[in-house]
Amino acid sequence: MLGGAETVTINQVTQDMIENYMVPLPPIEEQQRIVERLDTLLPLCDTLME
């Protein structure tokens, strides 16, 4: 059916890998600007979906 197909080993993502992964975050000032922008835009999205 799959003529010549071979098996492949897929690496797994472990809990240790996730716990030790550094997630880059913008500075707090930028995070606050993002929140302010979302606070402005999300109600507009809600209105448009009605």
C-alpha atoms as a PDB file:
ATOM      1  CA  MET A   1       0.000   0.000   0.000  1.00  0.00           C
ATOM      2  CA  LEU A   2       2.721   2.518   0.941  1.00  0.00           C
ATOM      3  CA  GLY A   3       5.363   0.786  -1.178  1.00  0.00           C
ATOM      4  CA  GLY A   4       8.807   1.322   0.307  1.00  0.00           C
ATOM      5  CA  ALA A   5       7.625   3.427   3.278  1.00  0.00           C
ATOM      6  CA  GLU A   6       9.954   3.426   6.236  1.00  0.00           C
ATOM      7  CA  THR A   7       9.249   4.159   9.859  1.00  0.00           C
ATOM      8  CA  VAL A   8      10.486   7.378  11.407  1.00  0.00           C
ATOM      9  CA  THR A   9      11.271   8.061  15.033  1.00  0.00           C
ATOM     10  CA  ILE A  10       9.739  11.290  16.271  1.00  0.00           C
ATOM     11  CA  ASN A  11      11.327  13.005  19.247  1.00  0.00           C
ATOM     12  CA  GLN A  12       8.938  13.792  22.057  1.00  0.00           C
ATOM     13  CA  VAL A  13       8.579  17.072  23.893  1.00  0.00           C
ATOM     14  CA  THR A  14       9.032  16.304  27.561  1.00  0.00           C
ATOM     15  CA  GLN A  15       7.818  18.229  30.586  1.00  0.00           C
ATOM     16  CA  ASP A  16      11.452  18.993  31.482  1.00  0.00           C
ATOM     17  CA  MET A  17      11.985  20.548  28.051  1.00  0.00           C
ATOM     18  CA  ILE A  18       8.971  22.803  28.505  1.00  0.00           C
ATOM     19  CA  GLU A  19       9.858  23.762  32.088  1.00  0.00           C
ATOM     20  CA  ASN A  20      13.361  24.784  31.016  1.00  0.00           C
ATOM     21  CA  TYR A  21      12.355  26.680  27.869  1.00  0.00           C
ATOM     22  CA  MET A  22      12.942  30.416  28.061  1.00  0.00           C
ATOM     23  CA  VAL A  23      10.040  32.371  26.602  1.00  0.00           C
ATOM     24  CA  PRO A  24      11.066  35.852  25.472  1.00  0.00           C
ATOM     25  CA  LEU A  25       8.721  38.572  26.679  1.00  0.00           C
ATOM     26  CA  PRO A  26       8.586  42.220  25.660  1.00  0.00           C
ATOM     27  CA  PRO A  27       9.376  44.830  28.316  1.00  0.00           C
ATOM     28  CA  ILE A  28       6.542  45.577  30.740  1.00  0.00           C
ATOM     29  CA  GLU A  29       5.850  48.926  29.079  1.00  0.00           C
ATOM     30  CA  GLU A  30       5.264  47.213  25.740  1.00  0.00           C
ATOM     31  CA  GLN A  31       3.063  44.586  27.400  1.00  0.00           C
ATOM     32  CA  GLN A  32       0.947  47.393  28.871  1.00  0.00           C
ATOM     33  CA  ARG A  33       0.608  49.044  25.438  1.00  0.00           C
ATOM     34  CA  ILE A  34      -0.507  45.708  23.984  1.00  0.00           C
ATOM     35  CA  VAL A  35      -3.138  45.305  26.708  1.00  0.00           C
ATOM     36  CA  GLU A  36      -4.402  48.853  26.160  1.00  0.00           C
ATOM     37  CA  ARG A  37      -4.712  48.228  22.428  1.00  0.00           C
ATOM     38  CA  LEU A  38      -6.548  44.945  22.985  1.00  0.00           C
ATOM     39  CA  ASP A  39      -8.880  46.628  25.477  1.00  0.00           C
ATOM     40  CA  THR A  40      -9.772  49.057  22.694  1.00  0.00           C
ATOM     41  CA  LEU A  41     -10.098  46.555  19.849  1.00  0.00           C
ATOM     42  CA  LEU A  42     -11.775  43.542  21.453  1.00  0.00           C
ATOM     43  CA  PRO A  43     -15.052  45.337  22.238  1.00  0.00           C
ATOM     44  CA  LEU A  44     -15.135  46.440  18.589  1.00  0.00           C
ATOM     45  CA  CYS A  45     -14.736  42.819  17.515  1.00  0.00           C
ATOM     46  CA  ASP A  46     -17.565  41.824  19.843  1.00  0.00           C
ATOM     47  CA  THR A  47     -19.798  44.498  18.303  1.00  0.00           C
ATOM     48  CA  LEU A  48     -18.983  43.389  14.764  1.00  0.00           C
ATOM     49  CA  MET A  49     -19.808  39.754  15.583  1.00  0.00           C
ATOM     50  CA  GLU A  50     -23.314  40.627  16.833  1.00  0.00           C
END
